[in-house]
Amino acid sequence: TITHGPIESLRWPGMTMDFTLANSALLGNLKPGTIVAFTFV
């Protein structure tokens, strides 16, 4: 679950939503509360 800012490519406003991980290894050592940059399809 990520609270993100506006996404211009989709014309989305900032919101909190759930995303599916392509692979659990993407998490690495990330913990809740971390500011992240991500790419999704």
PDB file of all heavy atoms in Angstrom:
ATOM      1  N   THR A   1       0.862  -1.184   0.000  1.00  0.00           N
ATOM      2  CA  THR A   1       0.000   0.000   0.000  1.00  0.00           C
ATOM      3  C   THR A   1       0.896   1.229   0.000  1.00  0.00           C
ATOM      4  O   THR A   1       1.783   1.362   0.851  1.00  0.00           O
ATOM      5  CB  THR A   1      -0.909   0.005   1.235  1.00  0.00           C
ATOM      6  OG1 THR A   1      -1.676  -1.197   1.257  1.00  0.00           O
ATOM      7  CG2 THR A   1      -1.845   1.202   1.197  1.00  0.00           C
ATOM      8  N   ILE A   2       0.674   2.124  -0.989  1.00  0.00           N
ATOM      9  CA  ILE A   2       1.522   3.299  -1.171  1.00  0.00           C
ATOM     10  C   ILE A   2       0.643   4.539  -1.285  1.00  0.00           C
ATOM     11  O   ILE A   2      -0.363   4.538  -2.008  1.00  0.00           O
ATOM     12  CB  ILE A   2       2.410   3.163  -2.422  1.00  0.00           C
ATOM     13  CG1 ILE A   2       3.355   1.957  -2.271  1.00  0.00           C
ATOM     14  CG2 ILE A   2       3.201   4.429  -2.684  1.00  0.00           C
ATOM     15  CD1 ILE A   2       4.223   1.709  -3.493  1.00  0.00           C
ATOM     16  N   THR A   3       1.031   5.592  -0.566  1.00  0.00           N
ATOM     17  CA  THR A   3       0.408   6.904  -0.744  1.00  0.00           C
ATOM     18  C   THR A   3       1.313   7.695  -1.684  1.00  0.00           C
ATOM     19  O   THR A   3       2.438   8.055  -1.317  1.00  0.00           O
ATOM     20  CB  THR A   3       0.268   7.626   0.604  1.00  0.00           C
ATOM     21  OG1 THR A   3      -0.558   6.844   1.467  1.00  0.00           O
ATOM     22  CG2 THR A   3      -0.353   8.995   0.408  1.00  0.00           C
ATOM     23  N   HIS A   4       0.845   7.927  -2.920  1.00  0.00           N
ATOM     24  CA  HIS A   4       1.682   8.561  -3.942  1.00  0.00           C
ATOM     25  C   HIS A   4       1.117   9.924  -4.320  1.00  0.00           C
ATOM     26  O   HIS A   4      -0.038  10.252  -4.027  1.00  0.00           O
ATOM     27  CB  HIS A   4       1.787   7.663  -5.184  1.00  0.00           C
ATOM     28  CG  HIS A   4       0.460   7.394  -5.840  1.00  0.00           C
ATOM     29  ND1 HIS A   4      -0.202   8.304  -6.624  1.00  0.00           N
ATOM     30  CD2 HIS A   4      -0.318   6.274  -5.815  1.00  0.00           C
ATOM     31  CE1 HIS A   4      -1.323   7.782  -7.068  1.00  0.00           C
ATOM     32  NE2 HIS A   4      -1.432   6.547  -6.590  1.00  0.00           N
ATOM     33  N   GLY A   5       1.962  10.680  -4.981  1.00  0.00           N
ATOM     34  CA  GLY A   5       1.545  11.982  -5.476  1.00  0.00           C
ATOM     35  C   GLY A   5       0.854  11.861  -6.823  1.00  0.00           C
ATOM     36  O   GLY A   5       0.588  10.760  -7.316  1.00  0.00           O
ATOM     37  N   PRO A   6       0.542  12.992  -7.473  1.00  0.00           N
ATOM     38  CA  PRO A   6      -0.107  12.955  -8.787  1.00  0.00           C
ATOM     39  C   PRO A   6       0.760  12.226  -9.818  1.00  0.00           C
ATOM     40  O   PRO A   6       1.985  12.317  -9.805  1.00  0.00           O
ATOM     41  CB  PRO A   6      -0.271  14.440  -9.137  1.00  0.00           C
ATOM     42  CG  PRO A   6      -0.204  15.149  -7.815  1.00  0.00           C
ATOM     43  CD  PRO A   6       0.729  14.361  -6.971  1.00  0.00           C
ATOM     44  N   ILE A   7       0.100  11.481 -10.714  1.00  0.00           N
ATOM     45  CA  ILE A   7       0.780  10.743 -11.781  1.00  0.00           C
ATOM     46  C   ILE A   7       0.270  11.297 -13.102  1.00  0.00           C
ATOM     47  O   ILE A   7      -0.879  11.048 -13.498  1.00  0.00           O
ATOM     48  CB  ILE A   7       0.520   9.229 -11.672  1.00  0.00           C
ATOM     49  CG1 ILE A   7       0.994   8.714 -10.304  1.00  0.00           C
ATOM     50  CG2 ILE A   7       1.209   8.472 -12.792  1.00  0.00           C
ATOM     51  CD1 ILE A   7       0.705   7.248 -10.065  1.00  0.00           C
ATOM     52  N   GLU A   8       1.118  12.064 -13.784  1.00  0.00           N
ATOM     53  CA  GLU A   8       0.691  12.769 -14.994  1.00  0.00           C
ATOM     54  C   GLU A   8       0.370  11.815 -16.125  1.00  0.00           C
ATOM     55  O   GLU A   8      -0.556  12.066 -16.903  1.00  0.00           O
ATOM     56  CB  GLU A   8       1.791  13.751 -15.435  1.00  0.00           C
ATOM     57  CG  GLU A   8       2.060  14.870 -14.422  1.00  0.00           C
ATOM     58  CD  GLU A   8       3.101  15.837 -14.926  1.00  0.00           C
ATOM     59  OE1 GLU A   8       3.603  15.620 -16.053  1.00  0.00           O
ATOM     60  OE2 GLU A   8       3.409  16.801 -14.201  1.00  0.00           O
ATOM     61  N   SER A   9       1.113  10.682 -16.254  1.00  0.00           N
ATOM     62  CA  SER A   9       0.876   9.779 -17.383  1.00  0.00           C
ATOM     63  C   SER A   9      -0.512   9.145 -17.327  1.00  0.00           C
ATOM     64  O   SER A   9      -1.033   8.704 -18.352  1.00  0.00           O
ATOM     65  CB  SER A   9       1.933   8.668 -17.403  1.00  0.00           C
ATOM     66  OG  SER A   9       1.925   7.949 -16.180  1.00  0.00           O
ATOM     67  N   LEU A  10      -1.122   9.093 -16.142  1.00  0.00           N
ATOM     68  CA  LEU A  10      -2.466   8.538 -16.004  1.00  0.00           C
ATOM     69  C   LEU A  10      -3.495   9.596 -15.620  1.00  0.00           C
ATOM     70  O   LEU A  10      -4.678   9.274 -15.462  1.00  0.00           O
ATOM     71  CB  LEU A  10      -2.465   7.436 -14.932  1.00  0.00           C
ATOM     72  CG  LEU A  10      -1.710   6.156 -15.286  1.00  0.00           C
ATOM     73  CD1 LEU A  10      -1.580   5.265 -14.063  1.00  0.00           C
ATOM     74  CD2 LEU A  10      -2.398   5.398 -16.403  1.00  0.00           C
ATOM     75  N   ARG A  11      -3.009  10.829 -15.408  1.00  0.00           N
ATOM     76  CA  ARG A  11      -3.875  11.927 -14.978  1.00  0.00           C
ATOM     77  C   ARG A  11      -4.548  11.586 -13.645  1.00  0.00           C
ATOM     78  O   ARG A  11      -5.734  11.846 -13.440  1.00  0.00           O
ATOM     79  CB  ARG A  11      -4.924  12.264 -16.048  1.00  0.00           C
ATOM     80  CG  ARG A  11      -4.320  12.773 -17.329  1.00  0.00           C
ATOM     81  CD  ARG A  11      -5.385  13.163 -18.334  1.00  0.00           C
ATOM     82  NE  ARG A  11      -4.781  13.669 -19.563  1.00  0.00           N
ATOM     83  CZ  ARG A  11      -5.473  14.066 -20.637  1.00  0.00           C
ATOM     84  NH1 ARG A  11      -6.808  14.029 -20.610  1.00  0.00           N
ATOM     85  NH2 ARG A  11      -4.852  14.502 -21.715  1.00  0.00           N
ATOM     86  N   TRP A  12      -3.769  10.968 -12.780  1.00  0.00           N
ATOM     87  CA  TRP A  12      -4.270  10.605 -11.452  1.00  0.00           C
ATOM     88  C   TRP A  12      -3.900  11.687 -10.454  1.00  0.00           C
ATOM     89  O   TRP A  12      -2.795  12.215 -10.484  1.00  0.00           O
ATOM     90  CB  TRP A  12      -3.648   9.300 -10.968  1.00  0.00           C
ATOM     91  CG  TRP A  12      -4.250   8.069 -11.579  1.00  0.00           C
ATOM     92  CD1 TRP A  12      -5.256   7.982 -12.463  1.00  0.00           C
ATOM     93  CD2 TRP A  12      -3.826   6.720 -11.322  1.00  0.00           C
ATOM     94  NE1 TRP A  12      -5.523   6.685 -12.784  1.00  0.00           N
ATOM     95  CE2 TRP A  12      -4.656   5.883 -12.101  1.00  0.00           C
ATOM     96  CE3 TRP A  12      -2.839   6.151 -10.522  1.00  0.00           C
ATOM     97  CZ2 TRP A  12      -4.520   4.496 -12.104  1.00  0.00           C
ATOM     98  CZ3 TRP A  12      -2.708   4.775 -10.505  1.00  0.00           C
ATOM     99  CH2 TRP A  12      -3.541   3.954 -11.287  1.00  0.00           C
ATOM    100  N   PRO A  13      -4.767  11.997  -9.521  1.00  0.00           N
ATOM    101  CA  PRO A  13      -4.369  12.854  -8.394  1.00  0.00           C
ATOM    102  C   PRO A  13      -3.632  12.011  -7.359  1.00  0.00           C
ATOM    103  O   PRO A  13      -3.560  10.784  -7.452  1.00  0.00           O
ATOM    104  CB  PRO A  13      -5.716  13.350  -7.851  1.00  0.00           C
ATOM    105  CG  PRO A  13      -6.661  12.229  -8.165  1.00  0.00           C
ATOM    106  CD  PRO A  13      -6.195  11.650  -9.469  1.00  0.00           C
ATOM    107  N   GLY A  14      -3.073  12.644  -6.373  1.00  0.00           N
ATOM    108  CA  GLY A  14      -2.434  11.897  -5.290  1.00  0.00           C
ATOM    109  C   GLY A  14      -3.461  11.083  -4.519  1.00  0.00           C
ATOM    110  O   GLY A  14      -4.576  11.550  -4.275  1.00  0.00           O
ATOM    111  N   MET A  15      -3.113   9.866  -4.150  1.00  0.00           N
ATOM    112  CA  MET A  15      -4.047   8.994  -3.428  1.00  0.00           C
ATOM    113  C   MET A  15      -3.276   7.864  -2.753  1.00  0.00           C
ATOM    114  O   MET A  15      -2.076   7.688  -2.972  1.00  0.00           O
ATOM    115  CB  MET A  15      -5.088   8.417  -4.390  1.00  0.00           C
ATOM    116  CG  MET A  15      -4.500   7.440  -5.414  1.00  0.00           C
ATOM    117  SD  MET A  15      -5.749   6.756  -6.525  1.00  0.00           S
ATOM    118  CE  MET A  15      -5.887   8.097  -7.695  1.00  0.00           C
ATOM    119  N   THR A  16      -3.980   7.073  -1.955  1.00  0.00           N
ATOM    120  CA  THR A  16      -3.446   5.862  -1.333  1.00  0.00           C
ATOM    121  C   THR A  16      -4.106   4.656  -1.991  1.00  0.00           C
ATOM    122  O   THR A  16      -5.339   4.578  -2.050  1.00  0.00           O
ATOM    123  CB  THR A  16      -3.724   5.842   0.174  1.00  0.00           C
ATOM    124  OG1 THR A  16      -3.123   6.993   0.785  1.00  0.00           O
ATOM    125  CG2 THR A  16      -3.165   4.586   0.819  1.00  0.00           C
ATOM    126  N   MET A  17      -3.310   3.720  -2.490  1.00  0.00           N
ATOM    127  CA  MET A  17      -3.866   2.566  -3.187  1.00  0.00           C
ATOM    128  C   MET A  17      -2.941   1.354  -3.031  1.00  0.00           C
ATOM    129  O   MET A  17      -1.793   1.477  -2.601  1.00  0.00           O
ATOM    130  CB  MET A  17      -4.090   2.874  -4.671  1.00  0.00           C
ATOM    131  CG  MET A  17      -2.825   3.251  -5.429  1.00  0.00           C
ATOM    132  SD  MET A  17      -3.160   3.724  -7.150  1.00  0.00           S
ATOM    133  CE  MET A  17      -3.684   2.149  -7.831  1.00  0.00           C
ATOM    134  N   ASP A  18      -3.477   0.187  -3.388  1.00  0.00           N
ATOM    135  CA  ASP A  18      -2.724  -1.065  -3.311  1.00  0.00           C
ATOM    136  C   ASP A  18      -2.124  -1.391  -4.670  1.00  0.00           C
ATOM    137  O   ASP A  18      -2.751  -1.168  -5.725  1.00  0.00           O
ATOM    138  CB  ASP A  18      -3.632  -2.214  -2.879  1.00  0.00           C
ATOM    139  CG  ASP A  18      -4.114  -2.056  -1.450  1.00  0.00           C
ATOM    140  OD1 ASP A  18      -3.429  -1.360  -0.692  1.00  0.00           O
ATOM    141  OD2 ASP A  18      -5.177  -2.612  -1.112  1.00  0.00           O
ATOM    142  N   PHE A  19      -0.907  -1.927  -4.665  1.00  0.00           N
ATOM    143  CA  PHE A  19      -0.223  -2.384  -5.862  1.00  0.00           C
ATOM    144  C   PHE A  19       0.217  -3.834  -5.664  1.00  0.00           C
ATOM    145  O   PHE A  19       0.529  -4.263  -4.543  1.00  0.00           O
ATOM    146  CB  PHE A  19       1.024  -1.538  -6.157  1.00  0.00           C
ATOM    147  CG  PHE A  19       0.724  -0.112  -6.537  1.00  0.00           C
ATOM    148  CD1 PHE A  19       0.607   0.865  -5.569  1.00  0.00           C
ATOM    149  CD2 PHE A  19       0.555   0.253  -7.872  1.00  0.00           C
ATOM    150  CE1 PHE A  19       0.335   2.183  -5.895  1.00  0.00           C
ATOM    151  CE2 PHE A  19       0.284   1.572  -8.217  1.00  0.00           C
ATOM    152  CZ  PHE A  19       0.174   2.537  -7.229  1.00  0.00           C
ATOM    153  N   THR A  20       0.254  -4.597  -6.767  1.00  0.00           N
ATOM    154  CA  THR A  20       0.780  -5.966  -6.743  1.00  0.00           C
ATOM    155  C   THR A  20       2.257  -5.933  -7.107  1.00  0.00           C
ATOM    156  O   THR A  20       2.656  -5.199  -8.014  1.00  0.00           O
ATOM    157  CB  THR A  20       0.018  -6.855  -7.740  1.00  0.00           C
ATOM    158  OG1 THR A  20      -1.364  -6.866  -7.391  1.00  0.00           O
ATOM    159  CG2 THR A  20       0.547  -8.284  -7.722  1.00  0.00           C
ATOM    160  N   LEU A  21       3.064  -6.711  -6.417  1.00  0.00           N
ATOM    161  CA  LEU A  21       4.496  -6.787  -6.705  1.00  0.00           C
ATOM    162  C   LEU A  21       4.748  -7.845  -7.770  1.00  0.00           C
ATOM    163  O   LEU A  21       4.217  -8.959  -7.689  1.00  0.00           O
ATOM    164  CB  LEU A  21       5.286  -7.143  -5.445  1.00  0.00           C
ATOM    165  CG  LEU A  21       5.302  -6.089  -4.332  1.00  0.00           C
ATOM    166  CD1 LEU A  21       5.946  -6.666  -3.091  1.00  0.00           C
ATOM    167  CD2 LEU A  21       6.042  -4.843  -4.792  1.00  0.00           C
ATOM    168  N   ALA A  22       5.551  -7.514  -8.784  1.00  0.00           N
ATOM    169  CA  ALA A  22       5.926  -8.501  -9.790  1.00  0.00           C
ATOM    170  C   ALA A  22       6.722  -9.625  -9.162  1.00  0.00           C
ATOM    171  O   ALA A  22       6.620 -10.779  -9.571  1.00  0.00           O
ATOM    172  CB  ALA A  22       6.733  -7.847 -10.911  1.00  0.00           C
ATOM    173  N   ASN A  23       7.482  -9.289  -8.122  1.00  0.00           N
ATOM    174  CA  ASN A  23       8.268 -10.293  -7.411  1.00  0.00           C
ATOM    175  C   ASN A  23       8.523  -9.769  -6.015  1.00  0.00           C
ATOM    176  O   ASN A  23       8.824  -8.586  -5.820  1.00  0.00           O
ATOM    177  CB  ASN A  23       9.596 -10.563  -8.150  1.00  0.00           C
ATOM    178  CG  ASN A  23      10.318 -11.768  -7.593  1.00  0.00           C
ATOM    179  OD1 ASN A  23      10.790 -11.744  -6.473  1.00  0.00           O
ATOM    180  ND2 ASN A  23      10.394 -12.815  -8.395  1.00  0.00           N
ATOM    181  N   SER A  24       8.404 -10.661  -5.010  1.00  0.00           N
ATOM    182  CA  SER A  24       8.588 -10.230  -3.630  1.00  0.00           C
ATOM    183  C   SER A  24      10.004  -9.720  -3.356  1.00  0.00           C
ATOM    184  O   SER A  24      10.228  -8.974  -2.414  1.00  0.00           O
ATOM    185  CB  SER A  24       8.267 -11.376  -2.676  1.00  0.00           C
ATOM    186  OG  SER A  24       9.095 -12.491  -2.951  1.00  0.00           O
ATOM    187  N   ALA A  25      10.972 -10.130  -4.214  1.00  0.00           N
ATOM    188  CA  ALA A  25      12.345  -9.681  -4.019  1.00  0.00           C
ATOM    189  C   ALA A  25      12.499  -8.186  -4.268  1.00  0.00           C
ATOM    190  O   ALA A  25      13.507  -7.587  -3.891  1.00  0.00           O
ATOM    191  CB  ALA A  25      13.283 -10.467  -4.934  1.00  0.00           C
ATOM    192  N   LEU A  26      11.509  -7.560  -4.905  1.00  0.00           N
ATOM    193  CA  LEU A  26      11.581  -6.119  -5.164  1.00  0.00           C
ATOM    194  C   LEU A  26      11.612  -5.329  -3.849  1.00  0.00           C
ATOM    195  O   LEU A  26      12.124  -4.212  -3.810  1.00  0.00           O
ATOM    196  CB  LEU A  26      10.382  -5.677  -6.003  1.00  0.00           C
ATOM    197  CG  LEU A  26      10.328  -6.187  -7.449  1.00  0.00           C
ATOM    198  CD1 LEU A  26       9.017  -5.772  -8.098  1.00  0.00           C
ATOM    199  CD2 LEU A  26      11.502  -5.644  -8.260  1.00  0.00           C
ATOM    200  N   LEU A  27      11.049  -5.916  -2.783  1.00  0.00           N
ATOM    201  CA  LEU A  27      10.988  -5.181  -1.515  1.00  0.00           C
ATOM    202  C   LEU A  27      12.370  -4.951  -0.919  1.00  0.00           C
ATOM    203  O   LEU A  27      12.615  -3.913  -0.304  1.00  0.00           O
ATOM    204  CB  LEU A  27      10.120  -5.948  -0.512  1.00  0.00           C
ATOM    205  CG  LEU A  27       8.613  -5.864  -0.747  1.00  0.00           C
ATOM    206  CD1 LEU A  27       7.900  -6.831   0.156  1.00  0.00           C
ATOM    207  CD2 LEU A  27       8.134  -4.437  -0.503  1.00  0.00           C
ATOM    208  N   GLY A  28      13.260  -5.934  -1.107  1.00  0.00           N
ATOM    209  CA  GLY A  28      14.583  -5.797  -0.516  1.00  0.00           C
ATOM    210  C   GLY A  28      14.484  -5.593   0.987  1.00  0.00           C
ATOM    211  O   GLY A  28      13.836  -6.372   1.694  1.00  0.00           O
ATOM    212  N   ASN A  29      15.080  -4.544   1.482  1.00  0.00           N
ATOM    213  CA  ASN A  29      15.043  -4.219   2.911  1.00  0.00           C
ATOM    214  C   ASN A  29      14.105  -3.066   3.224  1.00  0.00           C
ATOM    215  O   ASN A  29      14.202  -2.454   4.298  1.00  0.00           O
ATOM    216  CB  ASN A  29      16.453  -3.890   3.414  1.00  0.00           C
ATOM    217  CG  ASN A  29      17.389  -5.074   3.303  1.00  0.00           C
ATOM    218  OD1 ASN A  29      16.966  -6.207   3.527  1.00  0.00           O
ATOM    219  ND2 ASN A  29      18.647  -4.824   2.944  1.00  0.00           N
ATOM    220  N   LEU A  30      13.214  -2.745   2.311  1.00  0.00           N
ATOM    221  CA  LEU A  30      12.319  -1.614   2.514  1.00  0.00           C
ATOM    222  C   LEU A  30      11.336  -1.906   3.646  1.00  0.00           C
ATOM    223  O   LEU A  30      10.844  -3.021   3.797  1.00  0.00           O
ATOM    224  CB  LEU A  30      11.553  -1.315   1.226  1.00  0.00           C
ATOM    225  CG  LEU A  30      12.402  -0.872   0.026  1.00  0.00           C
ATOM    226  CD1 LEU A  30      11.527  -0.665  -1.197  1.00  0.00           C
ATOM    227  CD2 LEU A  30      13.161   0.420   0.354  1.00  0.00           C
ATOM    228  N   LYS A  31      11.038  -0.893   4.443  1.00  0.00           N
ATOM    229  CA  LYS A  31      10.126  -1.001   5.560  1.00  0.00           C
ATOM    230  C   LYS A  31       8.993   0.017   5.399  1.00  0.00           C
ATOM    231  O   LYS A  31       9.149   1.028   4.713  1.00  0.00           O
ATOM    232  CB  LYS A  31      10.853  -0.750   6.892  1.00  0.00           C
ATOM    233  CG  LYS A  31      12.048  -1.657   7.136  1.00  0.00           C
ATOM    234  CD  LYS A  31      11.619  -3.091   7.341  1.00  0.00           C
ATOM    235  CE  LYS A  31      12.823  -3.979   7.640  1.00  0.00           C
ATOM    236  NZ  LYS A  31      12.420  -5.404   7.770  1.00  0.00           N
ATOM    237  N   PRO A  32       7.830  -0.253   6.027  1.00  0.00           N
ATOM    238  CA  PRO A  32       6.752   0.746   5.995  1.00  0.00           C
ATOM    239  C   PRO A  32       7.226   2.079   6.534  1.00  0.00           C
ATOM    240  O   PRO A  32       7.974   2.149   7.511  1.00  0.00           O
ATOM    241  CB  PRO A  32       5.683   0.107   6.889  1.00  0.00           C
ATOM    242  CG  PRO A  32       5.924  -1.354   6.795  1.00  0.00           C
ATOM    243  CD  PRO A  32       7.407  -1.500   6.685  1.00  0.00           C
ATOM    244  N   GLY A  33       6.802   3.146   5.872  1.00  0.00           N
ATOM    245  CA  GLY A  33       7.220   4.488   6.235  1.00  0.00           C
ATOM    246  C   GLY A  33       8.317   5.037   5.347  1.00  0.00           C
ATOM    247  O   GLY A  33       8.615   6.234   5.389  1.00  0.00           O
ATOM    248  N   THR A  34       8.925   4.170   4.512  1.00  0.00           N
ATOM    249  CA  THR A  34      10.007   4.609   3.626  1.00  0.00           C
ATOM    250  C   THR A  34       9.429   5.370   2.429  1.00  0.00           C
ATOM    251  O   THR A  34       8.400   4.984   1.859  1.00  0.00           O
ATOM    252  CB  THR A  34      10.804   3.393   3.126  1.00  0.00           C
ATOM    253  OG1 THR A  34      11.259   2.636   4.239  1.00  0.00           O
ATOM    254  CG2 THR A  34      11.977   3.826   2.275  1.00  0.00           C
ATOM    255  N   ILE A  35      10.108   6.446   2.028  1.00  0.00           N
ATOM    256  CA  ILE A  35       9.745   7.163   0.802  1.00  0.00           C
ATOM    257  C   ILE A  35      10.377   6.397  -0.358  1.00  0.00           C
ATOM    258  O   ILE A  35      11.581   6.156  -0.377  1.00  0.00           O
ATOM    259  CB  ILE A  35      10.239   8.619   0.829  1.00  0.00           C
ATOM    260  CG1 ILE A  35       9.683   9.332   2.073  1.00  0.00           C
ATOM    261  CG2 ILE A  35       9.824   9.348  -0.440  1.00  0.00           C
ATOM    262  CD1 ILE A  35       8.168   9.356   2.129  1.00  0.00           C
ATOM    263  N   VAL A  36       9.548   5.979  -1.330  1.00  0.00           N
ATOM    264  CA  VAL A  36      10.024   5.111  -2.410  1.00  0.00           C
ATOM    265  C   VAL A  36       9.725   5.743  -3.767  1.00  0.00           C
ATOM    266  O   VAL A  36       8.817   6.567  -3.918  1.00  0.00           O
ATOM    267  CB  VAL A  36       9.353   3.723  -2.329  1.00  0.00           C
ATOM    268  CG1 VAL A  36       9.783   2.994  -1.066  1.00  0.00           C
ATOM    269  CG2 VAL A  36       7.832   3.838  -2.388  1.00  0.00           C
ATOM    270  N   ALA A  37      10.523   5.336  -4.741  1.00  0.00           N
ATOM    271  CA  ALA A  37      10.268   5.626  -6.158  1.00  0.00           C
ATOM    272  C   ALA A  37       9.974   4.293  -6.817  1.00  0.00           C
ATOM    273  O   ALA A  37      10.670   3.305  -6.575  1.00  0.00           O
ATOM    274  CB  ALA A  37      11.479   6.292  -6.788  1.00  0.00           C
ATOM    275  N   PHE A  38       8.930   4.262  -7.659  1.00  0.00           N
ATOM    276  CA  PHE A  38       8.547   2.974  -8.224  1.00  0.00           C
ATOM    277  C   PHE A  38       8.034   3.149  -9.656  1.00  0.00           C
ATOM    278  O   PHE A  38       7.590   4.232 -10.067  1.00  0.00           O
ATOM    279  CB  PHE A  38       7.484   2.296  -7.360  1.00  0.00           C
ATOM    280  CG  PHE A  38       6.213   3.083  -7.178  1.00  0.00           C
ATOM    281  CD1 PHE A  38       5.082   2.819  -7.937  1.00  0.00           C
ATOM    282  CD2 PHE A  38       6.143   4.095  -6.227  1.00  0.00           C
ATOM    283  CE1 PHE A  38       3.918   3.534  -7.751  1.00  0.00           C
ATOM    284  CE2 PHE A  38       4.984   4.818  -6.043  1.00  0.00           C
ATOM    285  CZ  PHE A  38       3.856   4.545  -6.807  1.00  0.00           C
ATOM    286  N   THR A  39       8.149   2.056 -10.401  1.00  0.00           N
ATOM    287  CA  THR A  39       7.640   1.981 -11.774  1.00  0.00           C
ATOM    288  C   THR A  39       6.617   0.868 -11.822  1.00  0.00           C
ATOM    289  O   THR A  39       6.857  -0.229 -11.294  1.00  0.00           O
ATOM    290  CB  THR A  39       8.779   1.677 -12.765  1.00  0.00           C
ATOM    291  OG1 THR A  39       9.780   2.689 -12.652  1.00  0.00           O
ATOM    292  CG2 THR A  39       8.256   1.633 -14.190  1.00  0.00           C
ATOM    293  N   PHE A  40       5.461   1.120 -12.456  1.00  0.00           N
ATOM    294  CA  PHE A  40       4.421   0.103 -12.483  1.00  0.00           C
ATOM    295  C   PHE A  40       3.751   0.078 -13.857  1.00  0.00           C
ATOM    296  O   PHE A  40       3.856   1.028 -14.653  1.00  0.00           O
ATOM    297  CB  PHE A  40       3.379   0.347 -11.389  1.00  0.00           C
ATOM    298  CG  PHE A  40       2.606   1.630 -11.520  1.00  0.00           C
ATOM    299  CD1 PHE A  40       1.348   1.663 -12.103  1.00  0.00           C
ATOM    300  CD2 PHE A  40       3.144   2.827 -11.048  1.00  0.00           C
ATOM    301  CE1 PHE A  40       0.642   2.838 -12.203  1.00  0.00           C
ATOM    302  CE2 PHE A  40       2.443   4.013 -11.147  1.00  0.00           C
ATOM    303  CZ  PHE A  40       1.186   4.023 -11.735  1.00  0.00           C
ATOM    304  N   VAL A  41       3.089  -1.061 -14.149  1.00  0.00           N
ATOM    305  CA  VAL A  41       2.382  -1.257 -15.415  1.00  0.00           C
ATOM    306  C   VAL A  41       0.994  -1.797 -15.097  1.00  0.00           C
ATOM    307  O   VAL A  41       0.730  -2.279 -14.004  1.00  0.00           O
ATOM    308  CB  VAL A  41       3.132  -2.247 -16.339  1.00  0.00           C
ATOM    309  CG1 VAL A  41       4.494  -1.720 -16.721  1.00  0.00           C
ATOM    310  CG2 VAL A  41       3.243  -3.619 -15.695  1.00  0.00           C
TER     311      VAL A  41
END
